[in-house]
Amino acid sequence: MRILTIEDLKDIYIKFHQRGLPFLLSKLSFNSYKRTQSAFNEKEIQTSNFWIIPEVRKRWNKLITGDENTTYEEYLTNSFFKDKSNIKILALGTGVCSHEIRLAELNPNIEIHCYDFSDELLNKAKNISDQKNLNNIYYFAENVLTYSFKPEEYDIVFFHASLHHFDNIPQFLNDVVIKSLKPDGYIIINEFVGNNRLQYSKIQLQYINKALLEIPKKFRKIFKTEIYKNKYYGSGVIRMIVADPSECVDSKSIIPAIHQKFDIIDEKSYGNNILQSAFKDIAHHFVDVDAEKKIILENVFALEDELLRNHPSDFVFGIYKLKK
C-alpha cells in the first residue's frame, strides 16, 4: 500500500491549475460526504482524462460490443432490451446522466429513475432530457445510502462508473440493490473493478511507465501547466481519501460479490489498466489524431493487451441476473 507518493504532490499542483484554489480548499472539510460532493458537483470540469480520446472510446466499443462504432448503450438496445417492454430501471450515482439519457432515447419503452446526491448535475441532466422531449426518465437528488427504496420495485439496477464509489459492496448489494430488484431482476454495470484506492501492482506501474516512453515529450505536456509527464508513481492512499473518500473504496470486491449473488448473462473485460493513468492529464493531445499519434496509440494499446494476458482487467461491462 502506498501512503504518499510523488504523484500525490504533482496532482495537487495540477488540480490547482486545472480546477482552482476553491476546489483545493473544499478538500479541507472534515466532512467526508462534502469532500465527495466537491469532487462531482461542478457542471463543467476543465481536465484532460483518457476517456476524451476518440480512439480509446472506439477500443472500448470493440471490446464490449465487437464493433468500434457501436456503443454499449446501442448494444444493450439491440440485444438485451430488444424483446422487453415495460422495463423499470433504477440508476444509482448517475451524475449528469449522459448514459441513462442515451438509453432513454434509444428505448422509449423503458422507464429510468436516476438517483444522485448532486442536485446541480441532476438539474443539468433534466435540462438535457427536456430539450430532447424525453418523458421516460426521472431525477431524484437523494443520498442513496440513506434513502428508502421500495422493495422489489425495479427490473434492473444500473451502474455506470458509480458502483466503485460505494463501500462494503456485498452489504450494499444486499441492502440496496437486491432489495430493490424484482425476484427475476438484473444488474448492469460498466465499472472500474480494479484494486481499492488505485493501489496498482508493481507490474502494472511498470507497464504504465513503458507506455509513457512510447509518447514523445511534445505530447506529454500536462493540461493547463508548463510541466511534462515523465513518470507515473501511483496514487497514495492519503490523497485518495482526502480528495474523494468514496473513490475506489471497495472496488476489488465488485466482481466477486456480483458473481456470488448473480448469474452472468454477459461479461466483457476492456482493460484501461494502462490507459487510465498513462493518458491522465495529457489526453487532450490525442483528441485529434494524425498518422504519428495513431502509431503512438496503437503501441500503447499493444502494451495494454500484453499486460492483460496475465493480469485482471480494471474495467468490466456486465449483465447479471439475480440467482434463484
C-alpha atoms as a PDB file:
ATOM      1  CA  MET A   1       0.000   0.000   0.000  1.00  0.00           C
ATOM      2  CA  ARG A   2       1.333   3.425  -0.981  1.00  0.00           C
ATOM      3  CA  ILE A   3       0.638   6.004   1.734  1.00  0.00           C
ATOM      4  CA  LEU A   4       2.023   9.117  -0.002  1.00  0.00           C
ATOM      5  CA  THR A   5       3.791   9.398  -3.351  1.00  0.00           C
ATOM      6  CA  ILE A   6       5.395  11.991  -5.617  1.00  0.00           C
ATOM      7  CA  GLU A   7       2.327  11.562  -7.811  1.00  0.00           C
ATOM      8  CA  ASP A   8       0.177  12.970  -4.997  1.00  0.00           C
ATOM      9  CA  LEU A   9       2.217  16.173  -4.788  1.00  0.00           C
ATOM     10  CA  LYS A  10       2.118  16.559  -8.557  1.00  0.00           C
ATOM     11  CA  ASP A  11      -1.635  16.041  -8.524  1.00  0.00           C
ATOM     12  CA  ILE A  12      -2.162  18.854  -6.007  1.00  0.00           C
ATOM     13  CA  TYR A  13      -0.199  21.237  -8.245  1.00  0.00           C
ATOM     14  CA  ILE A  14      -2.081  20.100 -11.349  1.00  0.00           C
ATOM     15  CA  LYS A  15      -5.518  20.345  -9.687  1.00  0.00           C
ATOM     16  CA  PHE A  16      -4.695  23.912  -8.589  1.00  0.00           C
ATOM     17  CA  HIS A  17      -4.075  24.908 -12.207  1.00  0.00           C
ATOM     18  CA  GLN A  18      -6.968  22.903 -13.641  1.00  0.00           C
ATOM     19  CA  ARG A  19      -9.712  23.436 -11.063  1.00  0.00           C
ATOM     20  CA  GLY A  20      -8.520  26.378  -8.941  1.00  0.00           C
ATOM     21  CA  LEU A  21      -7.907  27.175  -5.284  1.00  0.00           C
ATOM     22  CA  PRO A  22     -11.578  26.932  -4.151  1.00  0.00           C
ATOM     23  CA  PHE A  23     -11.632  23.293  -5.263  1.00  0.00           C
ATOM     24  CA  LEU A  24      -8.474  22.502  -3.264  1.00  0.00           C
ATOM     25  CA  LEU A  25      -9.836  24.315  -0.203  1.00  0.00           C
ATOM     26  CA  SER A  26     -13.004  22.220  -0.398  1.00  0.00           C
ATOM     27  CA  LYS A  27     -10.840  19.211   0.427  1.00  0.00           C
ATOM     28  CA  LEU A  28     -10.017  20.644   3.864  1.00  0.00           C
ATOM     29  CA  SER A  29     -13.500  19.874   5.150  1.00  0.00           C
ATOM     30  CA  PHE A  30     -13.652  17.259   7.910  1.00  0.00           C
ATOM     31  CA  ASN A  31     -16.970  16.103   6.463  1.00  0.00           C
ATOM     32  CA  SER A  32     -16.161  13.206   4.107  1.00  0.00           C
ATOM     33  CA  TYR A  33     -19.579  13.455   2.431  1.00  0.00           C
ATOM     34  CA  LYS A  34     -18.900  17.105   1.499  1.00  0.00           C
ATOM     35  CA  ARG A  35     -15.445  16.204   0.161  1.00  0.00           C
ATOM     36  CA  THR A  36     -17.057  13.593  -2.060  1.00  0.00           C
ATOM     37  CA  GLN A  37     -19.669  16.118  -3.217  1.00  0.00           C
ATOM     38  CA  SER A  38     -16.967  18.608  -4.175  1.00  0.00           C
ATOM     39  CA  ALA A  39     -15.410  16.024  -6.488  1.00  0.00           C
ATOM     40  CA  PHE A  40     -18.617  15.758  -8.519  1.00  0.00           C
ATOM     41  CA  ASN A  41     -20.661  18.937  -8.078  1.00  0.00           C
ATOM     42  CA  GLU A  42     -19.033  21.015 -10.817  1.00  0.00           C
ATOM     43  CA  LYS A  43     -21.046  21.143 -14.030  1.00  0.00           C
ATOM     44  CA  GLU A  44     -18.034  21.807 -16.251  1.00  0.00           C
ATOM     45  CA  ILE A  45     -14.715  20.345 -15.139  1.00  0.00           C
ATOM     46  CA  GLN A  46     -11.658  21.504 -17.068  1.00  0.00           C
ATOM     47  CA  THR A  47      -9.449  18.441 -17.218  1.00  0.00           C
ATOM     48  CA  SER A  48      -7.810  16.044 -19.649  1.00  0.00           C
ATOM     49  CA  ASN A  49      -8.638  12.446 -18.887  1.00  0.00           C
ATOM     50  CA  PHE A  50      -8.207   9.341 -21.015  1.00  0.00           C
ATOM     51  CA  TRP A  51     -11.893   8.956 -21.865  1.00  0.00           C
ATOM     52  CA  ILE A  52     -11.840  12.050 -24.115  1.00  0.00           C
ATOM     53  CA  ILE A  53      -9.628  10.245 -26.649  1.00  0.00           C
ATOM     54  CA  PRO A  54     -11.831   9.033 -29.548  1.00  0.00           C
ATOM     55  CA  GLU A  55      -9.550   6.067 -30.334  1.00  0.00           C
ATOM     56  CA  VAL A  56      -9.828   4.910 -26.712  1.00  0.00           C
ATOM     57  CA  ARG A  57     -13.608   5.010 -26.921  1.00  0.00           C
ATOM     58  CA  LYS A  58     -13.508   3.016 -30.161  1.00  0.00           C
ATOM     59  CA  ARG A  59     -11.350   0.444 -28.380  1.00  0.00           C
ATOM     60  CA  TRP A  60     -13.932   0.142 -25.602  1.00  0.00           C
ATOM     61  CA  ASN A  61     -16.711  -0.335 -28.149  1.00  0.00           C
ATOM     62  CA  LYS A  62     -14.770  -3.057 -29.948  1.00  0.00           C
ATOM     63  CA  LEU A  63     -14.008  -4.982 -26.754  1.00  0.00           C
ATOM     64  CA  ILE A  64     -17.549  -4.674 -25.370  1.00  0.00           C
ATOM     65  CA  THR A  65     -19.791  -4.841 -28.442  1.00  0.00           C
ATOM     66  CA  GLY A  66     -17.498  -6.279 -31.118  1.00  0.00           C
ATOM     67  CA  ASP A  67     -17.822  -3.146 -33.274  1.00  0.00           C
ATOM     68  CA  GLU A  68     -15.776   0.020 -32.725  1.00  0.00           C
ATOM     69  CA  ASN A  69     -18.713   2.134 -33.923  1.00  0.00           C
ATOM     70  CA  THR A  70     -21.327   0.540 -31.649  1.00  0.00           C
ATOM     71  CA  THR A  71     -21.611   1.877 -28.093  1.00  0.00           C
ATOM     72  CA  TYR A  72     -22.643  -0.307 -25.194  1.00  0.00           C
ATOM     73  CA  GLU A  73     -25.953   1.600 -24.974  1.00  0.00           C
ATOM     74  CA  GLU A  74     -26.688   0.608 -28.585  1.00  0.00           C
ATOM     75  CA  TYR A  75     -25.529  -2.935 -27.836  1.00  0.00           C
ATOM     76  CA  LEU A  76     -27.964  -3.172 -24.910  1.00  0.00           C
ATOM     77  CA  THR A  77     -30.749  -1.761 -27.065  1.00  0.00           C
ATOM     78  CA  ASN A  78     -30.165  -4.165 -29.963  1.00  0.00           C
ATOM     79  CA  SER A  79     -29.757  -7.265 -27.814  1.00  0.00           C
ATOM     80  CA  PHE A  80     -30.831  -7.164 -24.183  1.00  0.00           C
ATOM     81  CA  PHE A  81     -33.750  -4.692 -24.434  1.00  0.00           C
ATOM     82  CA  LYS A  82     -34.903  -5.811 -27.885  1.00  0.00           C
ATOM     83  CA  ASP A  83     -37.779  -8.084 -26.847  1.00  0.00           C
ATOM     84  CA  LYS A  84     -38.546  -6.486 -23.493  1.00  0.00           C
ATOM     85  CA  SER A  85     -41.271  -3.985 -22.641  1.00  0.00           C
ATOM     86  CA  ASN A  86     -42.372  -2.044 -19.552  1.00  0.00           C
ATOM     87  CA  ILE A  87     -38.890  -2.209 -18.061  1.00  0.00           C
ATOM     88  CA  LYS A  88     -38.254  -0.097 -14.964  1.00  0.00           C
ATOM     89  CA  ILE A  89     -34.617   0.786 -14.272  1.00  0.00           C
ATOM     90  CA  LEU A  90     -33.048   2.174 -11.098  1.00  0.00           C
ATOM     91  CA  ALA A  91     -29.818   4.047 -11.915  1.00  0.00           C
ATOM     92  CA  LEU A  92     -27.631   4.880  -8.930  1.00  0.00           C
ATOM     93  CA  GLY A  93     -24.895   7.503  -8.682  1.00  0.00           C
ATOM     94  CA  THR A  94     -25.780   8.886 -12.092  1.00  0.00           C
ATOM     95  CA  GLY A  95     -24.142  12.327 -12.088  1.00  0.00           C
ATOM     96  CA  VAL A  96     -25.160  14.170 -15.254  1.00  0.00           C
ATOM     97  CA  CYS A  97     -26.904  11.003 -16.536  1.00  0.00           C
ATOM     98  CA  SER A  98     -25.399  11.032 -20.040  1.00  0.00           C
ATOM     99  CA  HIS A  99     -25.588   7.241 -20.385  1.00  0.00           C
ATOM    100  CA  GLU A 100     -29.036   6.978 -18.830  1.00  0.00           C
ATOM    101  CA  ILE A 101     -30.341   9.703 -21.145  1.00  0.00           C
ATOM    102  CA  ARG A 102     -28.912   7.839 -24.126  1.00  0.00           C
ATOM    103  CA  LEU A 103     -30.642   4.622 -23.013  1.00  0.00           C
ATOM    104  CA  ALA A 104     -33.912   6.522 -22.558  1.00  0.00           C
ATOM    105  CA  GLU A 105     -33.570   7.953 -26.083  1.00  0.00           C
ATOM    106  CA  LEU A 106     -32.920   4.574 -27.644  1.00  0.00           C
ATOM    107  CA  ASN A 107     -35.569   2.730 -25.631  1.00  0.00           C
ATOM    108  CA  PRO A 108     -38.827   4.678 -25.234  1.00  0.00           C
ATOM    109  CA  ASN A 109     -40.392   1.510 -23.768  1.00  0.00           C
ATOM    110  CA  ILE A 110     -38.232   1.667 -20.619  1.00  0.00           C
ATOM    111  CA  GLU A 111     -38.570   3.948 -17.595  1.00  0.00           C
ATOM    112  CA  ILE A 112     -35.411   5.153 -15.832  1.00  0.00           C
ATOM    113  CA  HIS A 113     -35.168   6.624 -12.320  1.00  0.00           C
ATOM    114  CA  CYS A 114     -31.857   8.434 -11.768  1.00  0.00           C
ATOM    115  CA  TYR A 115     -30.576   8.960  -8.222  1.00  0.00           C
ATOM    116  CA  ASP A 116     -27.578  11.092  -7.277  1.00  0.00           C
ATOM    117  CA  PHE A 117     -26.605  13.379  -4.382  1.00  0.00           C
ATOM    118  CA  SER A 118     -25.697  16.262  -6.717  1.00  0.00           C
ATOM    119  CA  ASP A 119     -28.788  18.334  -7.455  1.00  0.00           C
ATOM    120  CA  GLU A 120     -26.654  20.556  -9.713  1.00  0.00           C
ATOM    121  CA  LEU A 121     -25.748  17.684 -12.022  1.00  0.00           C
ATOM    122  CA  LEU A 122     -29.289  16.301 -11.992  1.00  0.00           C
ATOM    123  CA  ASN A 123     -30.678  19.720 -12.925  1.00  0.00           C
ATOM    124  CA  LYS A 124     -28.304  19.810 -15.855  1.00  0.00           C
ATOM    125  CA  ALA A 125     -29.404  16.295 -16.838  1.00  0.00           C
ATOM    126  CA  LYS A 126     -33.074  17.281 -16.659  1.00  0.00           C
ATOM    127  CA  ASN A 127     -32.462  20.275 -18.902  1.00  0.00           C
ATOM    128  CA  ILE A 128     -30.848  17.994 -21.473  1.00  0.00           C
ATOM    129  CA  SER A 129     -33.632  15.410 -21.385  1.00  0.00           C
ATOM    130  CA  ASP A 130     -36.279  18.154 -21.553  1.00  0.00           C
ATOM    131  CA  GLN A 131     -34.626  19.533 -24.689  1.00  0.00           C
ATOM    132  CA  LYS A 132     -34.827  16.029 -26.154  1.00  0.00           C
ATOM    133  CA  ASN A 133     -38.518  15.791 -25.139  1.00  0.00           C
ATOM    134  CA  LEU A 134     -37.914  12.615 -23.144  1.00  0.00           C
ATOM    135  CA  ASN A 135     -40.742  11.619 -20.831  1.00  0.00           C
ATOM    136  CA  ASN A 136     -39.371   8.267 -19.631  1.00  0.00           C
ATOM    137  CA  ILE A 137     -36.517   9.439 -17.387  1.00  0.00           C
ATOM    138  CA  TYR A 138     -36.867  10.952 -13.890  1.00  0.00           C
ATOM    139  CA  TYR A 139     -34.409  12.537 -11.462  1.00  0.00           C
ATOM    140  CA  PHE A 140     -34.090  12.310  -7.684  1.00  0.00           C
ATOM    141  CA  ALA A 141     -31.487  14.173  -5.611  1.00  0.00           C
ATOM    142  CA  GLU A 142     -31.011  11.778  -2.698  1.00  0.00           C
ATOM    143  CA  ASN A 143     -28.326  10.076  -0.669  1.00  0.00           C
ATOM    144  CA  VAL A 144     -28.588   6.515  -1.990  1.00  0.00           C
ATOM    145  CA  LEU A 145     -27.190   5.074   1.239  1.00  0.00           C
ATOM    146  CA  THR A 146     -29.944   6.523   3.434  1.00  0.00           C
ATOM    147  CA  TYR A 147     -32.882   6.654   1.016  1.00  0.00           C
ATOM    148  CA  SER A 148     -35.610   4.005   1.417  1.00  0.00           C
ATOM    149  CA  PHE A 149     -36.281   2.444  -1.979  1.00  0.00           C
ATOM    150  CA  LYS A 150     -39.448   0.439  -2.459  1.00  0.00           C
ATOM    151  CA  PRO A 151     -38.697  -3.286  -2.242  1.00  0.00           C
ATOM    152  CA  GLU A 152     -38.926  -5.335  -5.455  1.00  0.00           C
ATOM    153  CA  GLU A 153     -39.756  -2.207  -7.477  1.00  0.00           C
ATOM    154  CA  TYR A 154     -37.272  -2.476 -10.350  1.00  0.00           C
ATOM    155  CA  ASP A 155     -36.445  -4.872 -13.172  1.00  0.00           C
ATOM    156  CA  ILE A 156     -32.848  -3.600 -13.469  1.00  0.00           C
ATOM    157  CA  VAL A 157     -30.360  -1.708 -11.321  1.00  0.00           C
ATOM    158  CA  PHE A 158     -27.831   0.144 -13.473  1.00  0.00           C
ATOM    159  CA  PHE A 159     -24.371   1.495 -12.670  1.00  0.00           C
ATOM    160  CA  HIS A 160     -22.049   3.440 -14.927  1.00  0.00           C
ATOM    161  CA  ALA A 161     -18.787   4.347 -13.158  1.00  0.00           C
ATOM    162  CA  SER A 162     -20.598   4.687  -9.831  1.00  0.00           C
ATOM    163  CA  LEU A 163     -20.666   1.301  -8.078  1.00  0.00           C
ATOM    164  CA  HIS A 164     -16.965   1.615  -7.218  1.00  0.00           C
ATOM    165  CA  HIS A 165     -17.852   4.663  -5.083  1.00  0.00           C
ATOM    166  CA  PHE A 166     -19.817   2.565  -2.590  1.00  0.00           C
ATOM    167  CA  ASP A 167     -18.227   0.929   0.446  1.00  0.00           C
ATOM    168  CA  ASN A 168     -18.767  -2.644   1.607  1.00  0.00           C
ATOM    169  CA  ILE A 169     -20.016  -3.880  -1.760  1.00  0.00           C
ATOM    170  CA  PRO A 170     -21.519  -7.204  -0.548  1.00  0.00           C
ATOM    171  CA  GLN A 171     -23.655  -5.417   2.032  1.00  0.00           C
ATOM    172  CA  PHE A 172     -24.585  -2.644  -0.419  1.00  0.00           C
ATOM    173  CA  LEU A 173     -25.750  -5.241  -2.947  1.00  0.00           C
ATOM    174  CA  ASN A 174     -27.906  -6.909  -0.299  1.00  0.00           C
ATOM    175  CA  ASP A 175     -29.332  -3.816   1.382  1.00  0.00           C
ATOM    176  CA  VAL A 176     -29.937  -1.575  -1.632  1.00  0.00           C
ATOM    177  CA  VAL A 177     -29.580  -3.365  -4.975  1.00  0.00           C
ATOM    178  CA  ILE A 178     -31.116  -6.795  -4.358  1.00  0.00           C
ATOM    179  CA  LYS A 179     -33.791  -5.366  -2.059  1.00  0.00           C
ATOM    180  CA  SER A 180     -34.894  -3.012  -4.870  1.00  0.00           C
ATOM    181  CA  LEU A 181     -34.965  -5.714  -7.537  1.00  0.00           C
ATOM    182  CA  LYS A 182     -37.826  -7.953  -8.543  1.00  0.00           C
ATOM    183  CA  PRO A 183     -37.091 -11.673  -7.924  1.00  0.00           C
ATOM    184  CA  ASP A 184     -36.044 -12.141 -11.571  1.00  0.00           C
ATOM    185  CA  GLY A 185     -34.201  -8.809 -11.764  1.00  0.00           C
ATOM    186  CA  TYR A 186     -30.864  -7.856 -13.304  1.00  0.00           C
ATOM    187  CA  ILE A 187     -27.885  -5.675 -12.556  1.00  0.00           C
ATOM    188  CA  ILE A 188     -25.992  -3.969 -15.388  1.00  0.00           C
ATOM    189  CA  ILE A 189     -22.572  -2.430 -14.762  1.00  0.00           C
ATOM    190  CA  ASN A 190     -19.895  -0.544 -16.648  1.00  0.00           C
ATOM    191  CA  GLU A 191     -17.327  -0.174 -13.914  1.00  0.00           C
ATOM    192  CA  PHE A 192     -13.836   0.141 -12.538  1.00  0.00           C
ATOM    193  CA  VAL A 193     -13.270  -3.130 -10.660  1.00  0.00           C
ATOM    194  CA  GLY A 194      -9.517  -2.913 -10.006  1.00  0.00           C
ATOM    195  CA  ASN A 195      -7.584  -2.577  -6.756  1.00  0.00           C
ATOM    196  CA  ASN A 196      -9.013  -0.457  -3.945  1.00  0.00           C
ATOM    197  CA  ARG A 197      -7.791   3.157  -3.855  1.00  0.00           C
ATOM    198  CA  LEU A 198      -5.975   2.602  -7.193  1.00  0.00           C
ATOM    199  CA  GLN A 199      -3.218   0.650  -5.497  1.00  0.00           C
ATOM    200  CA  TYR A 200      -1.736  -0.761  -8.680  1.00  0.00           C
ATOM    201  CA  SER A 201       0.589  -3.759  -8.721  1.00  0.00           C
ATOM    202  CA  LYS A 202       4.284  -3.220  -9.448  1.00  0.00           C
ATOM    203  CA  ILE A 203       3.986  -4.795 -12.878  1.00  0.00           C
ATOM    204  CA  GLN A 204       1.053  -2.516 -13.733  1.00  0.00           C
ATOM    205  CA  LEU A 205       3.113   0.553 -12.778  1.00  0.00           C
ATOM    206  CA  GLN A 206       5.965  -0.756 -14.903  1.00  0.00           C
ATOM    207  CA  TYR A 207       3.686  -1.065 -17.922  1.00  0.00           C
ATOM    208  CA  ILE A 208       2.223   2.422 -17.394  1.00  0.00           C
ATOM    209  CA  ASN A 209       5.738   3.838 -17.471  1.00  0.00           C
ATOM    210  CA  LYS A 210       6.584   1.737 -20.540  1.00  0.00           C
ATOM    211  CA  ALA A 211       3.603   3.413 -22.187  1.00  0.00           C
ATOM    212  CA  LEU A 212       4.885   6.885 -21.274  1.00  0.00           C
ATOM    213  CA  LEU A 213       8.162   6.032 -23.012  1.00  0.00           C
ATOM    214  CA  GLU A 214       6.147   5.457 -26.196  1.00  0.00           C
ATOM    215  CA  ILE A 215       4.813   9.025 -26.041  1.00  0.00           C
ATOM    216  CA  PRO A 216       7.111  11.808 -27.336  1.00  0.00           C
ATOM    217  CA  LYS A 217       7.764  14.682 -24.937  1.00  0.00           C
ATOM    218  CA  LYS A 218       5.741  17.150 -27.006  1.00  0.00           C
ATOM    219  CA  PHE A 219       2.632  15.086 -26.261  1.00  0.00           C
ATOM    220  CA  ARG A 220       3.379  14.763 -22.534  1.00  0.00           C
ATOM    221  CA  LYS A 221       2.840  18.396 -21.571  1.00  0.00           C
ATOM    222  CA  ILE A 222       0.248  18.368 -18.786  1.00  0.00           C
ATOM    223  CA  PHE A 223      -3.026  20.198 -19.371  1.00  0.00           C
ATOM    224  CA  LYS A 224      -3.025  23.842 -18.195  1.00  0.00           C
ATOM    225  CA  THR A 225       0.544  23.621 -16.835  1.00  0.00           C
ATOM    226  CA  GLU A 226       4.112  24.049 -18.077  1.00  0.00           C
ATOM    227  CA  ILE A 227       5.286  20.683 -16.757  1.00  0.00           C
ATOM    228  CA  TYR A 228       5.706  17.350 -18.510  1.00  0.00           C
ATOM    229  CA  LYS A 229       4.597  13.884 -17.536  1.00  0.00           C
ATOM    230  CA  ASN A 230       7.814  11.855 -17.448  1.00  0.00           C
ATOM    231  CA  LYS A 231       6.998   9.136 -14.929  1.00  0.00           C
ATOM    232  CA  TYR A 232       3.973   7.791 -13.110  1.00  0.00           C
ATOM    233  CA  TYR A 233       4.439   6.852  -9.434  1.00  0.00           C
ATOM    234  CA  GLY A 234       0.972   5.650  -8.458  1.00  0.00           C
ATOM    235  CA  SER A 235      -1.564   7.150  -6.058  1.00  0.00           C
ATOM    236  CA  GLY A 236      -1.097   7.349  -2.309  1.00  0.00           C
ATOM    237  CA  VAL A 237      -3.945   6.326  -0.032  1.00  0.00           C
ATOM    238  CA  ILE A 238      -3.949   9.564   1.984  1.00  0.00           C
ATOM    239  CA  ARG A 239      -4.531  11.794  -1.052  1.00  0.00           C
ATOM    240  CA  MET A 240      -7.170   9.403  -2.398  1.00  0.00           C
ATOM    241  CA  ILE A 241      -9.141   9.643   0.847  1.00  0.00           C
ATOM    242  CA  VAL A 242      -8.742  13.411   1.177  1.00  0.00           C
ATOM    243  CA  ALA A 243      -9.650  14.093  -2.465  1.00  0.00           C
ATOM    244  CA  ASP A 244     -12.667  11.782  -2.535  1.00  0.00           C
ATOM    245  CA  PRO A 245     -13.314   9.348   0.345  1.00  0.00           C
ATOM    246  CA  SER A 246     -15.585   7.295  -1.921  1.00  0.00           C
ATOM    247  CA  GLU A 247     -13.095   6.751  -4.772  1.00  0.00           C
ATOM    248  CA  CYS A 248     -12.479   3.021  -5.348  1.00  0.00           C
ATOM    249  CA  VAL A 249     -13.218   2.396  -1.684  1.00  0.00           C
ATOM    250  CA  ASP A 250     -14.124  -1.284  -2.199  1.00  0.00           C
ATOM    251  CA  SER A 251     -13.782  -1.714  -5.967  1.00  0.00           C
ATOM    252  CA  LYS A 252     -11.897  -5.002  -5.696  1.00  0.00           C
ATOM    253  CA  SER A 253     -14.980  -6.640  -4.182  1.00  0.00           C
ATOM    254  CA  ILE A 254     -17.357  -5.763  -7.024  1.00  0.00           C
ATOM    255  CA  ILE A 255     -16.903  -8.765  -9.320  1.00  0.00           C
ATOM    256  CA  PRO A 256     -16.633 -11.447  -6.579  1.00  0.00           C
ATOM    257  CA  ALA A 257     -19.702 -10.036  -4.801  1.00  0.00           C
ATOM    258  CA  ILE A 258     -21.774  -9.868  -8.001  1.00  0.00           C
ATOM    259  CA  HIS A 259     -20.752 -13.399  -9.004  1.00  0.00           C
ATOM    260  CA  GLN A 260     -21.879 -14.655  -5.609  1.00  0.00           C
ATOM    261  CA  LYS A 261     -25.370 -13.169  -5.875  1.00  0.00           C
ATOM    262  CA  PHE A 262     -25.974 -13.081  -9.640  1.00  0.00           C
ATOM    263  CA  ASP A 263     -25.590 -15.334 -12.672  1.00  0.00           C
ATOM    264  CA  ILE A 264     -23.503 -13.998 -15.569  1.00  0.00           C
ATOM    265  CA  ILE A 265     -25.546 -13.175 -18.674  1.00  0.00           C
ATOM    266  CA  ASP A 266     -22.827 -11.184 -20.426  1.00  0.00           C
ATOM    267  CA  GLU A 267     -19.442 -10.033 -19.141  1.00  0.00           C
ATOM    268  CA  LYS A 268     -16.733  -8.194 -21.096  1.00  0.00           C
ATOM    269  CA  SER A 269     -13.347  -7.036 -19.828  1.00  0.00           C
ATOM    270  CA  TYR A 270     -12.000  -3.953 -21.561  1.00  0.00           C
ATOM    271  CA  GLY A 271      -8.823  -3.069 -19.710  1.00  0.00           C
ATOM    272  CA  ASN A 272      -7.784   0.557 -19.152  1.00  0.00           C
ATOM    273  CA  ASN A 273      -5.086  -0.802 -16.835  1.00  0.00           C
ATOM    274  CA  ILE A 274      -2.538   1.363 -18.648  1.00  0.00           C
ATOM    275  CA  LEU A 275      -4.673   3.906 -20.485  1.00  0.00           C
ATOM    276  CA  GLN A 276      -6.338   5.455 -17.425  1.00  0.00           C
ATOM    277  CA  SER A 277      -3.064   6.546 -15.822  1.00  0.00           C
ATOM    278  CA  ALA A 278      -0.745   6.936 -18.803  1.00  0.00           C
ATOM    279  CA  PHE A 279      -3.057   9.431 -20.539  1.00  0.00           C
ATOM    280  CA  LYS A 280      -4.331  11.218 -17.419  1.00  0.00           C
ATOM    281  CA  ASP A 281      -3.770  14.988 -17.838  1.00  0.00           C
ATOM    282  CA  ILE A 282      -2.250  14.593 -21.330  1.00  0.00           C
ATOM    283  CA  ALA A 283      -5.208  13.119 -23.212  1.00  0.00           C
ATOM    284  CA  HIS A 284      -6.005  16.441 -24.909  1.00  0.00           C
ATOM    285  CA  HIS A 285      -3.015  15.894 -27.209  1.00  0.00           C
ATOM    286  CA  PHE A 286      -4.779  12.851 -28.709  1.00  0.00           C
ATOM    287  CA  VAL A 287      -8.273  14.183 -29.362  1.00  0.00           C
ATOM    288  CA  ASP A 288      -7.265  14.930 -32.947  1.00  0.00           C
ATOM    289  CA  VAL A 289      -5.306  12.001 -34.360  1.00  0.00           C
ATOM    290  CA  ASP A 290      -2.831  12.128 -37.233  1.00  0.00           C
ATOM    291  CA  ALA A 291      -0.598   9.332 -38.525  1.00  0.00           C
ATOM    292  CA  GLU A 292       2.060   9.895 -35.838  1.00  0.00           C
ATOM    293  CA  LYS A 293      -0.424   9.900 -32.959  1.00  0.00           C
ATOM    294  CA  LYS A 294      -2.222   6.842 -34.331  1.00  0.00           C
ATOM    295  CA  ILE A 295       1.009   4.838 -34.197  1.00  0.00           C
ATOM    296  CA  ILE A 296       1.625   6.014 -30.620  1.00  0.00           C
ATOM    297  CA  LEU A 297      -1.864   4.972 -29.560  1.00  0.00           C
ATOM    298  CA  GLU A 298      -1.539   1.586 -31.266  1.00  0.00           C
ATOM    299  CA  ASN A 299       1.765   0.970 -29.445  1.00  0.00           C
ATOM    300  CA  VAL A 300       0.201   1.835 -26.092  1.00  0.00           C
ATOM    301  CA  PHE A 301      -2.833  -0.340 -26.841  1.00  0.00           C
ATOM    302  CA  ALA A 302      -0.468  -3.227 -27.688  1.00  0.00           C
ATOM    303  CA  LEU A 303       1.266  -2.818 -24.315  1.00  0.00           C
ATOM    304  CA  GLU A 304      -2.084  -2.940 -22.532  1.00  0.00           C
ATOM    305  CA  ASP A 305      -3.111  -6.076 -24.435  1.00  0.00           C
ATOM    306  CA  GLU A 306       0.192  -7.654 -23.433  1.00  0.00           C
ATOM    307  CA  LEU A 307      -0.395  -6.824 -19.760  1.00  0.00           C
ATOM    308  CA  LEU A 308      -3.991  -8.067 -19.852  1.00  0.00           C
ATOM    309  CA  ARG A 309      -2.932 -11.527 -21.000  1.00  0.00           C
ATOM    310  CA  ASN A 310      -1.720 -12.227 -17.447  1.00  0.00           C
ATOM    311  CA  HIS A 311      -3.378  -9.500 -15.397  1.00  0.00           C
ATOM    312  CA  PRO A 312      -7.060  -8.966 -14.468  1.00  0.00           C
ATOM    313  CA  SER A 313      -8.866  -6.141 -16.242  1.00  0.00           C
ATOM    314  CA  ASP A 314      -9.522  -2.933 -14.312  1.00  0.00           C
ATOM    315  CA  PHE A 315     -12.777  -2.246 -16.174  1.00  0.00           C
ATOM    316  CA  VAL A 316     -15.713  -4.572 -16.834  1.00  0.00           C
ATOM    317  CA  PHE A 317     -19.049  -4.317 -18.595  1.00  0.00           C
ATOM    318  CA  GLY A 318     -21.555  -6.890 -17.420  1.00  0.00           C
ATOM    319  CA  ILE A 319     -25.171  -8.015 -17.357  1.00  0.00           C
ATOM    320  CA  TYR A 320     -26.129 -10.291 -14.480  1.00  0.00           C
ATOM    321  CA  LYS A 321     -29.361 -11.960 -13.343  1.00  0.00           C
ATOM    322  CA  LEU A 322     -30.321 -12.420  -9.721  1.00  0.00           C
ATOM    323  CA  LYS A 323     -29.806 -16.005  -8.619  1.00  0.00           C
ATOM    324  CA  LYS A 324     -32.852 -18.009  -7.650  1.00  0.00           C
END
